């Protein structure tokens, strides 16, 4: 690659083992290391709440969470730092999240299952079955795609440049639609759009009501 297509902190974060006890605060409560500072590349370690308060209180710190024994991060915490187009979004406990890395899946599930798969969508890298039309099941799979020469980027500048090109095309009579890597227009989150179609009546009208004749 001619230039880096991901911020320097992202790949190291994906390799860290989180949720260990902090050795610097071993005798204190809430010493679980589930934080990562994107501003301090020289550290490149998981942090606990005490580490954050002591040395990283004014830095951008991402909190790592767990879902079904796998690490996730809230979309709101990373979407302002990286280009998340194409990554499958899940809703867990009412929040939009991304999985950090590829998850193992049972045999016979995913692209290998062929016609027996429950969904027609699969991760481009690990072939995990997806719920909607995205390219990657996790941040780590998008990273692997980029490292293998795939046409993608984590840099927010890539999104800005694409929007600028579309805006120029629109000024010249073109269209301004921006379809991201995941198929969702201008977004990484799948949104099923239902067109408003009048619902048919359950029963047809009886016609014009008329009074019974008087005798």
N, C-alpha and C. Protein backbone atom coordinates (compact mmCIF):
# COMPACT_ATOMS: atom_id res chain seq x y z
N UNK A 1 0.84 -1.20 0.00
CA UNK A 1 0.00 0.00 0.00
C UNK A 1 0.88 1.25 0.00
N UNK A 2 0.48 2.25 -0.78
CA UNK A 2 1.25 3.47 -0.85
C UNK A 2 1.18 4.24 0.45
N UNK A 3 0.15 4.12 1.18
CA UNK A 3 0.01 4.82 2.45
C UNK A 3 -0.88 3.98 3.36
N UNK A 4 -0.79 4.25 4.63
CA UNK A 4 -1.57 3.49 5.59
C UNK A 4 -3.05 3.77 5.39
N UNK A 5 -3.85 2.73 5.49
CA UNK A 5 -5.29 2.86 5.32
C UNK A 5 -6.04 2.64 6.62
N UNK A 6 -5.31 2.72 7.75
CA UNK A 6 -5.91 2.58 9.07
C UNK A 6 -5.11 3.41 10.05
N UNK A 7 -5.73 3.95 11.08
CA UNK A 7 -4.98 4.70 12.10
C UNK A 7 -4.00 3.77 12.82
N UNK A 8 -2.88 4.28 13.30
CA UNK A 8 -1.83 3.42 13.87
C UNK A 8 -2.24 2.68 15.14
N UNK A 9 -3.29 3.13 15.82
CA UNK A 9 -3.69 2.50 17.08
C UNK A 9 -4.65 1.34 16.88
N UNK A 10 -5.27 1.22 15.70
CA UNK A 10 -6.36 0.27 15.53
C UNK A 10 -5.89 -1.19 15.55
N UNK A 11 -4.91 -1.53 14.75
CA UNK A 11 -4.46 -2.93 14.71
C UNK A 11 -3.89 -3.39 16.04
N UNK A 12 -3.08 -2.59 16.75
CA UNK A 12 -2.64 -3.01 18.09
C UNK A 12 -3.79 -3.26 19.05
N UNK A 13 -4.85 -2.44 18.97
CA UNK A 13 -5.99 -2.64 19.85
C UNK A 13 -6.67 -3.98 19.60
N UNK A 14 -6.73 -4.39 18.34
CA UNK A 14 -7.38 -5.65 18.00
C UNK A 14 -6.61 -6.86 18.52
N UNK A 15 -5.33 -6.70 18.80
CA UNK A 15 -4.49 -7.81 19.26
C UNK A 15 -4.40 -7.92 20.78
N UNK A 16 -4.87 -6.92 21.50
CA UNK A 16 -4.74 -6.90 22.96
C UNK A 16 -5.74 -7.85 23.61
N UNK A 17 -5.33 -8.50 24.67
CA UNK A 17 -6.21 -9.32 25.50
C UNK A 17 -6.78 -8.45 26.61
N UNK A 18 -8.06 -8.17 26.53
CA UNK A 18 -8.71 -7.31 27.52
C UNK A 18 -9.28 -8.16 28.67
N UNK A 19 -9.76 -7.47 29.68
CA UNK A 19 -10.45 -8.04 30.83
C UNK A 19 -9.53 -8.83 31.77
N UNK A 20 -8.25 -8.56 31.70
CA UNK A 20 -7.33 -9.07 32.72
C UNK A 20 -7.27 -8.09 33.88
N UNK A 21 -6.76 -8.53 35.04
CA UNK A 21 -6.62 -7.64 36.18
C UNK A 21 -5.38 -6.77 36.00
N UNK A 22 -5.53 -5.48 36.31
CA UNK A 22 -4.43 -4.53 36.17
C UNK A 22 -3.37 -4.81 37.23
N UNK A 23 -2.12 -5.03 36.79
CA UNK A 23 -1.04 -5.33 37.72
C UNK A 23 -0.65 -4.12 38.56
N UNK A 24 -0.88 -2.92 38.04
CA UNK A 24 -0.53 -1.71 38.78
C UNK A 24 -1.51 -1.39 39.89
N UNK A 25 -2.71 -1.96 39.83
CA UNK A 25 -3.75 -1.69 40.84
C UNK A 25 -4.37 -3.00 41.32
N UNK A 26 -3.52 -3.97 41.59
CA UNK A 26 -3.98 -5.31 41.91
C UNK A 26 -4.79 -5.38 43.20
N UNK A 27 -4.54 -4.48 44.14
CA UNK A 27 -5.23 -4.55 45.42
C UNK A 27 -6.52 -3.74 45.48
N UNK A 28 -6.95 -3.17 44.37
CA UNK A 28 -8.13 -2.32 44.35
C UNK A 28 -9.29 -3.00 43.65
N UNK A 29 -10.49 -2.51 43.91
CA UNK A 29 -11.68 -3.02 43.23
C UNK A 29 -11.77 -2.41 41.83
N UNK A 30 -12.57 -3.04 40.98
CA UNK A 30 -12.79 -2.57 39.61
C UNK A 30 -11.47 -2.37 38.87
N UNK A 31 -10.60 -3.36 38.98
CA UNK A 31 -9.27 -3.28 38.37
C UNK A 31 -9.21 -4.02 37.03
N UNK A 32 -10.36 -4.33 36.46
CA UNK A 32 -10.42 -5.04 35.19
C UNK A 32 -10.00 -4.11 34.05
N UNK A 33 -9.14 -4.60 33.18
CA UNK A 33 -8.61 -3.79 32.08
C UNK A 33 -9.51 -3.94 30.85
N UNK A 34 -10.41 -3.00 30.68
CA UNK A 34 -11.32 -3.04 29.53
C UNK A 34 -11.37 -1.70 28.80
N UNK A 35 -10.28 -0.93 28.88
CA UNK A 35 -10.20 0.37 28.23
C UNK A 35 -8.96 0.43 27.36
N UNK A 36 -9.03 1.28 26.33
CA UNK A 36 -7.87 1.45 25.44
C UNK A 36 -7.79 2.92 25.03
N UNK A 37 -6.60 3.50 25.18
CA UNK A 37 -6.37 4.90 24.82
C UNK A 37 -5.84 4.98 23.40
N UNK A 38 -6.54 5.72 22.54
CA UNK A 38 -6.11 5.86 21.15
C UNK A 38 -5.07 6.96 20.97
N UNK A 39 -4.80 7.73 22.02
CA UNK A 39 -3.86 8.84 21.92
C UNK A 39 -2.45 8.48 22.38
N UNK A 40 -2.29 7.35 23.07
CA UNK A 40 -0.99 7.00 23.65
C UNK A 40 -0.46 5.72 23.01
N UNK A 41 0.13 5.86 21.84
CA UNK A 41 0.59 4.69 21.10
C UNK A 41 1.79 4.02 21.76
N UNK A 42 2.55 4.78 22.58
CA UNK A 42 3.73 4.19 23.19
C UNK A 42 3.37 3.18 24.28
N UNK A 43 2.14 3.28 24.83
CA UNK A 43 1.73 2.35 25.87
C UNK A 43 1.26 1.03 25.26
N UNK A 44 0.27 1.11 24.40
CA UNK A 44 -0.28 -0.06 23.71
C UNK A 44 -0.64 -1.18 24.68
N UNK A 45 -1.38 -0.82 25.72
CA UNK A 45 -1.82 -1.80 26.71
C UNK A 45 -3.28 -1.53 27.06
N UNK A 46 -3.91 -2.54 27.63
CA UNK A 46 -5.27 -2.35 28.14
C UNK A 46 -5.19 -1.60 29.46
N UNK A 47 -6.17 -0.75 29.70
CA UNK A 47 -6.18 0.09 30.89
C UNK A 47 -7.37 -0.24 31.77
N UNK A 48 -7.22 0.02 33.07
CA UNK A 48 -8.35 -0.06 33.99
C UNK A 48 -8.84 1.35 34.27
N UNK A 49 -9.89 1.49 35.04
CA UNK A 49 -10.45 2.81 35.34
C UNK A 49 -9.46 3.68 36.11
N UNK A 50 -8.63 3.08 36.97
CA UNK A 50 -7.65 3.85 37.73
C UNK A 50 -6.56 4.37 36.81
N UNK A 51 -6.13 3.56 35.84
CA UNK A 51 -5.13 4.02 34.87
C UNK A 51 -5.67 5.20 34.07
N UNK A 52 -6.93 5.11 33.68
CA UNK A 52 -7.54 6.18 32.91
C UNK A 52 -7.58 7.48 33.71
N UNK A 53 -8.01 7.41 34.95
CA UNK A 53 -8.12 8.62 35.78
C UNK A 53 -6.76 9.24 36.07
N UNK A 54 -5.72 8.41 36.19
CA UNK A 54 -4.40 8.92 36.57
C UNK A 54 -3.64 9.53 35.41
N UNK A 55 -3.74 8.94 34.20
CA UNK A 55 -2.88 9.37 33.10
C UNK A 55 -3.61 9.68 31.80
N UNK A 56 -4.90 9.32 31.69
CA UNK A 56 -5.58 9.46 30.40
C UNK A 56 -6.94 10.15 30.53
N UNK A 57 -7.10 10.97 31.52
CA UNK A 57 -8.42 11.57 31.77
C UNK A 57 -8.86 12.51 30.65
N UNK A 58 -7.91 13.12 29.95
CA UNK A 58 -8.26 14.05 28.86
C UNK A 58 -7.99 13.46 27.48
N UNK A 59 -7.86 12.12 27.40
CA UNK A 59 -7.59 11.44 26.13
C UNK A 59 -8.85 10.76 25.62
N UNK A 60 -8.79 10.32 24.36
CA UNK A 60 -9.91 9.56 23.80
C UNK A 60 -9.72 8.10 24.17
N UNK A 61 -10.55 7.61 25.07
CA UNK A 61 -10.45 6.25 25.58
C UNK A 61 -11.68 5.46 25.15
N UNK A 62 -11.45 4.28 24.59
CA UNK A 62 -12.53 3.41 24.13
C UNK A 62 -12.75 2.31 25.15
N UNK A 63 -14.00 2.07 25.48
CA UNK A 63 -14.33 0.99 26.41
C UNK A 63 -14.72 -0.26 25.65
N UNK A 64 -14.09 -1.37 26.01
CA UNK A 64 -14.38 -2.66 25.41
C UNK A 64 -15.38 -3.39 26.29
N UNK A 65 -16.40 -3.97 25.66
CA UNK A 65 -17.41 -4.71 26.39
C UNK A 65 -17.45 -6.15 25.89
N UNK A 66 -18.22 -6.98 26.60
CA UNK A 66 -18.32 -8.38 26.21
C UNK A 66 -19.76 -8.74 25.89
N UNK A 67 -19.93 -9.58 24.87
CA UNK A 67 -21.23 -10.13 24.52
C UNK A 67 -21.02 -11.57 24.12
N UNK A 68 -21.63 -12.49 24.86
CA UNK A 68 -21.47 -13.92 24.60
C UNK A 68 -19.99 -14.31 24.54
N UNK A 69 -19.22 -13.80 25.49
CA UNK A 69 -17.80 -14.10 25.64
C UNK A 69 -16.93 -13.52 24.53
N UNK A 70 -17.49 -12.61 23.74
CA UNK A 70 -16.71 -11.98 22.68
C UNK A 70 -16.68 -10.47 22.90
N UNK A 71 -15.59 -9.85 22.49
CA UNK A 71 -15.38 -8.43 22.74
C UNK A 71 -16.09 -7.57 21.70
N UNK A 72 -16.78 -6.55 22.18
CA UNK A 72 -17.49 -5.62 21.30
C UNK A 72 -17.16 -4.20 21.72
N UNK A 73 -17.46 -3.26 20.84
CA UNK A 73 -17.28 -1.84 21.13
C UNK A 73 -18.49 -1.10 20.58
N UNK A 74 -18.93 -0.08 21.28
CA UNK A 74 -20.07 0.69 20.82
C UNK A 74 -19.72 1.47 19.56
N UNK A 75 -20.67 1.51 18.64
CA UNK A 75 -20.47 2.23 17.39
C UNK A 75 -20.17 3.70 17.67
N UNK A 76 -20.86 4.28 18.64
CA UNK A 76 -20.69 5.71 18.93
C UNK A 76 -19.27 6.05 19.37
N UNK A 77 -18.54 5.09 19.92
CA UNK A 77 -17.19 5.36 20.44
C UNK A 77 -16.12 5.27 19.37
N UNK A 78 -16.40 4.61 18.25
CA UNK A 78 -15.37 4.45 17.22
C UNK A 78 -15.75 5.09 15.89
N UNK A 79 -17.03 5.38 15.67
CA UNK A 79 -17.46 5.90 14.38
C UNK A 79 -16.88 7.28 14.09
N UNK A 80 -16.52 8.04 15.14
CA UNK A 80 -15.92 9.35 14.92
C UNK A 80 -14.41 9.28 14.71
N UNK A 81 -13.85 8.07 14.91
CA UNK A 81 -12.40 7.91 14.79
C UNK A 81 -11.99 7.13 13.53
N UNK A 82 -12.87 6.24 13.06
CA UNK A 82 -12.53 5.42 11.90
C UNK A 82 -13.72 5.33 10.95
N UNK A 83 -13.42 4.98 9.71
CA UNK A 83 -14.45 4.73 8.70
C UNK A 83 -14.99 3.32 8.92
N UNK A 84 -16.24 3.21 9.34
CA UNK A 84 -16.82 1.91 9.69
C UNK A 84 -17.71 1.35 8.60
N UNK A 85 -17.66 1.91 7.39
CA UNK A 85 -18.50 1.41 6.30
C UNK A 85 -18.23 -0.07 6.03
N UNK A 86 -19.30 -0.81 5.85
CA UNK A 86 -19.18 -2.22 5.50
C UNK A 86 -19.16 -3.17 6.67
N UNK A 87 -19.01 -2.68 7.90
CA UNK A 87 -18.94 -3.55 9.07
C UNK A 87 -20.34 -3.79 9.62
N UNK A 88 -20.66 -5.03 9.86
CA UNK A 88 -21.99 -5.40 10.34
C UNK A 88 -22.23 -4.83 11.74
N UNK A 89 -23.36 -4.18 11.92
CA UNK A 89 -23.75 -3.61 13.20
C UNK A 89 -24.77 -4.51 13.88
N UNK A 90 -24.56 -4.76 15.17
CA UNK A 90 -25.48 -5.55 15.97
C UNK A 90 -26.06 -4.67 17.07
N UNK A 91 -27.26 -4.99 17.50
CA UNK A 91 -27.89 -4.27 18.62
C UNK A 91 -27.86 -5.18 19.84
N UNK A 92 -27.13 -4.78 20.86
CA UNK A 92 -26.98 -5.56 22.08
C UNK A 92 -27.28 -4.64 23.27
N UNK A 93 -28.24 -5.05 24.08
CA UNK A 93 -28.68 -4.25 25.23
C UNK A 93 -29.06 -2.83 24.82
N UNK A 94 -29.70 -2.72 23.67
CA UNK A 94 -30.20 -1.42 23.21
C UNK A 94 -29.15 -0.53 22.58
N UNK A 95 -27.91 -1.00 22.39
CA UNK A 95 -26.85 -0.18 21.81
C UNK A 95 -26.32 -0.82 20.53
N UNK A 96 -25.96 0.02 19.56
CA UNK A 96 -25.33 -0.46 18.33
C UNK A 96 -23.86 -0.75 18.61
N UNK A 97 -23.42 -1.96 18.28
CA UNK A 97 -22.04 -2.36 18.57
C UNK A 97 -21.42 -3.05 17.37
N UNK A 98 -20.08 -3.07 17.36
CA UNK A 98 -19.30 -3.87 16.43
C UNK A 98 -18.54 -4.92 17.22
N UNK A 99 -18.39 -6.10 16.66
CA UNK A 99 -17.48 -7.09 17.23
C UNK A 99 -16.06 -6.70 16.83
N UNK A 100 -15.12 -6.88 17.76
CA UNK A 100 -13.74 -6.50 17.47
C UNK A 100 -13.10 -7.44 16.47
N UNK A 101 -13.27 -8.73 16.68
CA UNK A 101 -12.56 -9.71 15.86
C UNK A 101 -13.50 -10.82 15.38
N UNK A 102 -12.97 -11.59 14.45
CA UNK A 102 -13.70 -12.74 13.93
C UNK A 102 -14.03 -13.71 15.05
N UNK A 103 -15.24 -14.28 14.99
CA UNK A 103 -15.67 -15.26 16.00
C UNK A 103 -15.77 -16.64 15.38
N UNK A 104 -15.37 -17.67 16.12
CA UNK A 104 -15.51 -19.03 15.58
C UNK A 104 -16.98 -19.38 15.42
N UNK A 105 -17.29 -20.17 14.42
CA UNK A 105 -18.66 -20.59 14.19
C UNK A 105 -18.72 -22.09 13.99
N UNK A 106 -19.82 -22.71 14.35
CA UNK A 106 -19.93 -24.17 14.23
C UNK A 106 -19.87 -24.62 12.78
N UNK A 107 -19.50 -25.88 12.58
CA UNK A 107 -19.42 -26.43 11.24
C UNK A 107 -20.81 -26.47 10.60
N UNK A 108 -20.83 -26.26 9.29
CA UNK A 108 -22.10 -26.29 8.58
C UNK A 108 -22.84 -24.98 8.62
N UNK A 109 -22.20 -23.92 9.17
CA UNK A 109 -22.82 -22.61 9.24
C UNK A 109 -21.99 -21.64 8.41
N UNK A 110 -22.63 -20.71 7.73
CA UNK A 110 -21.92 -19.74 6.93
C UNK A 110 -21.92 -20.13 5.46
N UNK A 111 -20.94 -19.63 4.73
CA UNK A 111 -20.91 -19.87 3.28
C UNK A 111 -20.74 -21.35 2.97
N UNK A 112 -20.05 -22.10 3.87
CA UNK A 112 -19.83 -23.52 3.64
C UNK A 112 -21.14 -24.30 3.65
N UNK A 113 -22.17 -23.75 4.27
CA UNK A 113 -23.45 -24.44 4.36
C UNK A 113 -24.23 -24.38 3.04
N UNK A 114 -23.83 -23.45 2.16
CA UNK A 114 -24.48 -23.35 0.84
C UNK A 114 -25.95 -23.03 0.94
N UNK A 115 -26.78 -23.84 0.30
CA UNK A 115 -28.21 -23.57 0.24
C UNK A 115 -28.89 -23.73 1.60
N UNK A 116 -28.22 -24.40 2.53
CA UNK A 116 -28.83 -24.61 3.84
C UNK A 116 -28.63 -23.42 4.77
N UNK A 117 -27.88 -22.41 4.33
CA UNK A 117 -27.63 -21.26 5.17
C UNK A 117 -28.92 -20.48 5.37
N UNK A 118 -29.06 -19.91 6.58
CA UNK A 118 -30.27 -19.16 6.91
C UNK A 118 -30.29 -17.80 6.24
N UNK A 119 -29.13 -17.25 5.90
CA UNK A 119 -29.04 -15.92 5.30
C UNK A 119 -28.20 -15.98 4.04
N UNK A 120 -28.52 -15.17 3.02
CA UNK A 120 -27.71 -15.15 1.80
C UNK A 120 -26.47 -14.27 1.91
N UNK A 121 -26.27 -13.61 3.07
CA UNK A 121 -25.16 -12.68 3.23
C UNK A 121 -24.05 -13.32 4.06
N UNK A 122 -22.79 -13.05 3.65
CA UNK A 122 -21.65 -13.65 4.34
C UNK A 122 -20.51 -12.64 4.45
N UNK A 123 -19.70 -12.81 5.49
CA UNK A 123 -18.51 -11.98 5.67
C UNK A 123 -17.52 -12.28 4.55
N UNK A 124 -16.95 -11.25 3.96
CA UNK A 124 -16.01 -11.41 2.86
C UNK A 124 -14.76 -12.16 3.28
N UNK A 125 -14.38 -12.08 4.55
CA UNK A 125 -13.12 -12.65 5.02
C UNK A 125 -13.31 -14.04 5.63
N UNK A 126 -14.21 -14.15 6.62
CA UNK A 126 -14.33 -15.42 7.35
C UNK A 126 -15.56 -16.23 6.96
N UNK A 127 -16.40 -15.68 6.08
CA UNK A 127 -17.60 -16.36 5.58
C UNK A 127 -18.67 -16.57 6.65
N UNK A 128 -18.61 -15.82 7.72
CA UNK A 128 -19.67 -15.92 8.73
C UNK A 128 -20.98 -15.42 8.13
N UNK A 129 -22.06 -16.10 8.45
CA UNK A 129 -23.38 -15.70 7.97
C UNK A 129 -23.78 -14.39 8.64
N UNK A 130 -24.25 -13.43 7.84
CA UNK A 130 -24.64 -12.11 8.35
C UNK A 130 -26.14 -11.92 8.20
N UNK A 131 -26.67 -11.00 8.98
CA UNK A 131 -28.10 -10.74 8.98
C UNK A 131 -28.52 -9.77 7.88
N UNK A 132 -27.55 -9.04 7.34
CA UNK A 132 -27.89 -8.05 6.33
C UNK A 132 -26.73 -7.90 5.36
N UNK A 133 -26.88 -7.03 4.37
CA UNK A 133 -25.95 -6.91 3.26
C UNK A 133 -24.74 -6.07 3.66
N UNK A 134 -23.77 -6.68 4.35
CA UNK A 134 -22.52 -6.04 4.72
C UNK A 134 -21.36 -6.88 4.21
N UNK A 135 -20.15 -6.34 4.30
CA UNK A 135 -18.98 -7.06 3.81
C UNK A 135 -18.20 -7.76 4.92
N UNK A 136 -18.26 -7.23 6.15
CA UNK A 136 -17.41 -7.76 7.22
C UNK A 136 -18.25 -7.99 8.47
N UNK A 137 -17.92 -9.06 9.20
CA UNK A 137 -18.65 -9.35 10.44
C UNK A 137 -18.03 -8.64 11.63
N UNK A 138 -16.85 -8.08 11.46
CA UNK A 138 -16.15 -7.45 12.59
C UNK A 138 -15.14 -6.44 12.08
N UNK A 139 -14.62 -5.62 13.01
CA UNK A 139 -13.56 -4.67 12.66
C UNK A 139 -12.32 -5.43 12.21
N UNK A 140 -12.03 -6.54 12.89
CA UNK A 140 -10.84 -7.32 12.55
C UNK A 140 -10.90 -7.89 11.15
N UNK A 141 -12.08 -8.30 10.70
CA UNK A 141 -12.20 -8.84 9.34
C UNK A 141 -11.99 -7.75 8.29
N UNK A 142 -12.45 -6.54 8.57
CA UNK A 142 -12.17 -5.46 7.63
C UNK A 142 -10.67 -5.16 7.60
N UNK A 143 -10.01 -5.23 8.76
CA UNK A 143 -8.57 -5.02 8.81
C UNK A 143 -7.85 -6.08 7.97
N UNK A 144 -8.28 -7.35 8.10
CA UNK A 144 -7.66 -8.42 7.32
C UNK A 144 -7.87 -8.21 5.82
N UNK A 145 -9.05 -7.73 5.44
CA UNK A 145 -9.35 -7.46 4.03
C UNK A 145 -8.42 -6.38 3.48
N UNK A 146 -8.19 -5.34 4.26
CA UNK A 146 -7.31 -4.24 3.84
C UNK A 146 -5.87 -4.74 3.71
N UNK A 147 -5.40 -5.53 4.68
CA UNK A 147 -4.02 -6.02 4.66
C UNK A 147 -3.77 -6.97 3.50
N UNK A 148 -4.83 -7.62 3.03
CA UNK A 148 -4.70 -8.53 1.89
C UNK A 148 -4.90 -7.83 0.55
N UNK A 149 -4.94 -6.50 0.59
CA UNK A 149 -5.03 -5.73 -0.66
C UNK A 149 -6.43 -5.38 -1.08
N UNK A 150 -7.42 -5.60 -0.21
CA UNK A 150 -8.80 -5.27 -0.56
C UNK A 150 -9.03 -3.77 -0.66
N UNK A 151 -9.99 -3.39 -1.46
CA UNK A 151 -10.29 -1.98 -1.69
C UNK A 151 -11.17 -1.46 -0.57
N UNK A 152 -10.56 -1.00 0.51
CA UNK A 152 -11.28 -0.47 1.66
C UNK A 152 -10.33 0.40 2.47
N UNK A 153 -10.86 1.13 3.42
CA UNK A 153 -10.04 2.00 4.25
C UNK A 153 -10.75 2.28 5.56
N UNK A 154 -9.96 2.48 6.61
CA UNK A 154 -10.49 2.90 7.90
C UNK A 154 -10.40 4.42 8.09
N UNK A 155 -9.77 5.11 7.16
CA UNK A 155 -9.53 6.53 7.33
C UNK A 155 -10.78 7.33 7.00
N UNK A 156 -11.11 8.25 7.86
CA UNK A 156 -12.28 9.09 7.63
C UNK A 156 -12.08 10.00 6.43
N UNK A 157 -10.82 10.30 6.08
CA UNK A 157 -10.56 11.16 4.93
C UNK A 157 -11.06 10.51 3.65
N UNK A 158 -11.06 9.16 3.61
CA UNK A 158 -11.54 8.46 2.42
C UNK A 158 -13.02 8.76 2.19
N UNK A 159 -13.79 8.82 3.28
CA UNK A 159 -15.21 9.12 3.17
C UNK A 159 -15.42 10.56 2.72
N UNK A 160 -14.62 11.47 3.27
CA UNK A 160 -14.74 12.88 2.91
C UNK A 160 -14.41 13.09 1.44
N UNK A 161 -13.34 12.44 0.97
CA UNK A 161 -12.97 12.59 -0.42
C UNK A 161 -14.06 12.06 -1.34
N UNK A 162 -14.68 10.94 -0.97
CA UNK A 162 -15.74 10.36 -1.80
C UNK A 162 -16.94 11.29 -1.84
N UNK A 163 -17.29 11.88 -0.71
CA UNK A 163 -18.42 12.81 -0.68
C UNK A 163 -18.12 14.05 -1.52
N UNK A 164 -16.87 14.52 -1.47
CA UNK A 164 -16.50 15.68 -2.26
C UNK A 164 -16.61 15.38 -3.75
N UNK A 165 -16.17 14.18 -4.16
CA UNK A 165 -16.26 13.81 -5.58
C UNK A 165 -17.72 13.73 -6.01
N UNK A 166 -18.56 13.15 -5.16
CA UNK A 166 -19.98 13.04 -5.49
C UNK A 166 -20.64 14.42 -5.57
N UNK A 167 -20.20 15.33 -4.68
CA UNK A 167 -20.78 16.66 -4.68
C UNK A 167 -20.43 17.39 -5.98
N UNK A 168 -19.18 17.22 -6.44
CA UNK A 168 -18.76 17.83 -7.70
C UNK A 168 -19.55 17.23 -8.86
N UNK A 169 -19.74 15.91 -8.83
CA UNK A 169 -20.51 15.27 -9.89
C UNK A 169 -21.94 15.74 -9.91
N UNK A 170 -22.51 16.00 -8.74
CA UNK A 170 -23.89 16.50 -8.66
C UNK A 170 -23.99 17.91 -9.22
N UNK A 171 -22.96 18.74 -8.96
CA UNK A 171 -22.96 20.09 -9.50
C UNK A 171 -22.87 20.09 -11.02
N UNK A 172 -22.27 19.02 -11.57
CA UNK A 172 -22.14 18.92 -13.03
C UNK A 172 -23.27 18.15 -13.67
N UNK A 173 -24.33 17.91 -12.91
CA UNK A 173 -25.48 17.23 -13.47
C UNK A 173 -25.55 15.76 -13.11
N UNK A 174 -24.59 15.27 -12.29
CA UNK A 174 -24.60 13.87 -11.90
C UNK A 174 -25.44 13.67 -10.67
N UNK A 175 -25.32 12.49 -10.08
CA UNK A 175 -26.05 12.17 -8.87
C UNK A 175 -25.13 12.28 -7.68
N UNK A 176 -25.69 12.41 -6.50
CA UNK A 176 -24.89 12.58 -5.28
C UNK A 176 -25.05 11.42 -4.32
N UNK A 177 -25.55 10.28 -4.75
CA UNK A 177 -25.70 9.15 -3.85
C UNK A 177 -24.35 8.53 -3.56
N UNK A 178 -24.17 8.13 -2.30
CA UNK A 178 -22.92 7.53 -1.86
C UNK A 178 -23.22 6.19 -1.24
N UNK A 179 -22.95 5.12 -1.98
CA UNK A 179 -23.20 3.79 -1.45
C UNK A 179 -21.92 3.28 -0.85
N UNK A 180 -21.96 2.97 0.45
CA UNK A 180 -20.78 2.50 1.16
C UNK A 180 -20.47 1.07 0.83
N UNK A 181 -19.43 0.54 1.52
CA UNK A 181 -18.97 -0.81 1.24
C UNK A 181 -19.99 -1.85 1.64
N UNK A 182 -20.89 -1.51 2.53
CA UNK A 182 -21.82 -2.50 3.02
C UNK A 182 -23.16 -2.50 2.33
N UNK A 183 -23.34 -1.67 1.32
CA UNK A 183 -24.59 -1.67 0.60
C UNK A 183 -25.59 -0.68 1.16
N UNK A 184 -25.45 -0.23 2.41
CA UNK A 184 -26.37 0.74 2.97
C UNK A 184 -25.96 2.12 2.52
N UNK A 185 -26.85 2.90 2.03
CA UNK A 185 -26.52 4.19 1.43
C UNK A 185 -26.04 5.16 2.49
N UNK A 186 -24.74 5.54 2.39
CA UNK A 186 -24.18 6.55 3.27
C UNK A 186 -24.11 6.14 4.72
N UNK A 187 -24.18 4.88 5.05
CA UNK A 187 -24.16 4.46 6.45
C UNK A 187 -23.66 3.05 6.55
N UNK A 188 -23.17 2.68 7.77
CA UNK A 188 -22.73 1.31 8.01
C UNK A 188 -23.81 0.50 8.70
N UNK A 189 -24.88 1.13 9.07
CA UNK A 189 -25.94 0.46 9.80
C UNK A 189 -27.06 0.07 8.84
N UNK A 190 -27.47 -1.18 8.87
CA UNK A 190 -28.52 -1.65 7.96
C UNK A 190 -29.85 -1.05 8.36
N UNK A 191 -30.57 -0.52 7.37
CA UNK A 191 -31.89 0.05 7.62
C UNK A 191 -32.84 -0.46 6.55
N UNK A 192 -33.80 -1.25 6.97
CA UNK A 192 -34.78 -1.78 6.02
C UNK A 192 -35.82 -0.72 5.74
N UNK A 193 -35.84 -0.22 4.52
CA UNK A 193 -36.77 0.84 4.14
C UNK A 193 -38.03 0.20 3.58
N UNK A 194 -39.15 0.49 4.20
CA UNK A 194 -40.44 -0.03 3.74
C UNK A 194 -41.21 1.11 3.07
N UNK A 195 -41.49 0.94 1.80
CA UNK A 195 -42.23 1.97 1.08
C UNK A 195 -43.67 1.99 1.55
N UNK A 196 -44.20 3.18 1.59
CA UNK A 196 -45.56 3.36 2.07
C UNK A 196 -46.53 3.00 0.97
N UNK A 197 -47.16 1.86 1.09
CA UNK A 197 -48.14 1.39 0.11
C UNK A 197 -49.48 1.27 0.80
N UNK A 198 -50.56 1.84 0.24
CA UNK A 198 -51.87 1.74 0.89
C UNK A 198 -52.27 0.28 1.08
N UNK A 199 -52.70 -0.03 2.28
CA UNK A 199 -53.12 -1.39 2.58
C UNK A 199 -54.52 -1.64 2.02
N UNK A 200 -54.74 -2.80 1.40
CA UNK A 200 -56.09 -3.09 0.88
C UNK A 200 -57.08 -3.29 2.01
N UNK A 201 -58.32 -2.93 1.75
CA UNK A 201 -59.34 -3.10 2.77
C UNK A 201 -59.66 -4.58 2.95
N UNK A 202 -59.93 -4.93 4.17
CA UNK A 202 -60.27 -6.33 4.45
C UNK A 202 -61.57 -6.71 3.77
N UNK A 203 -62.53 -5.77 3.73
CA UNK A 203 -63.81 -6.02 3.07
C UNK A 203 -64.16 -4.84 2.18
N UNK A 204 -64.71 -5.08 1.01
CA UNK A 204 -65.09 -3.95 0.14
C UNK A 204 -66.27 -3.18 0.73
N UNK A 205 -66.38 -1.94 0.32
CA UNK A 205 -67.51 -1.14 0.78
C UNK A 205 -68.82 -1.75 0.26
N UNK A 206 -69.90 -1.58 1.03
CA UNK A 206 -71.20 -2.14 0.64
C UNK A 206 -71.91 -1.30 -0.39
N UNK A 207 -71.41 -0.09 -0.60
CA UNK A 207 -72.08 0.79 -1.55
C UNK A 207 -72.76 1.94 -0.82
N UNK A 208 -73.58 2.69 -1.51
CA UNK A 208 -74.24 3.85 -0.92
C UNK A 208 -75.39 3.38 -0.03
N UNK A 209 -75.39 3.77 1.25
CA UNK A 209 -76.50 3.33 2.12
C UNK A 209 -77.82 3.97 1.71
N UNK A 210 -78.90 3.22 1.75
CA UNK A 210 -80.23 3.73 1.38
C UNK A 210 -81.21 3.38 2.47
N UNK A 211 -82.19 4.29 2.69
CA UNK A 211 -83.25 4.04 3.68
C UNK A 211 -84.24 3.01 3.14
N UNK A 212 -84.83 2.28 4.06
CA UNK A 212 -85.89 1.36 3.65
C UNK A 212 -87.14 2.17 3.29
N UNK A 213 -87.92 1.74 2.31
CA UNK A 213 -89.12 2.51 1.89
C UNK A 213 -90.19 2.51 2.99
N UNK A 214 -90.96 3.60 3.06
CA UNK A 214 -92.06 3.70 4.01
C UNK A 214 -93.34 3.19 3.35
N UNK A 215 -94.20 2.47 4.08
CA UNK A 215 -95.47 1.96 3.57
C UNK A 215 -96.63 2.66 4.25
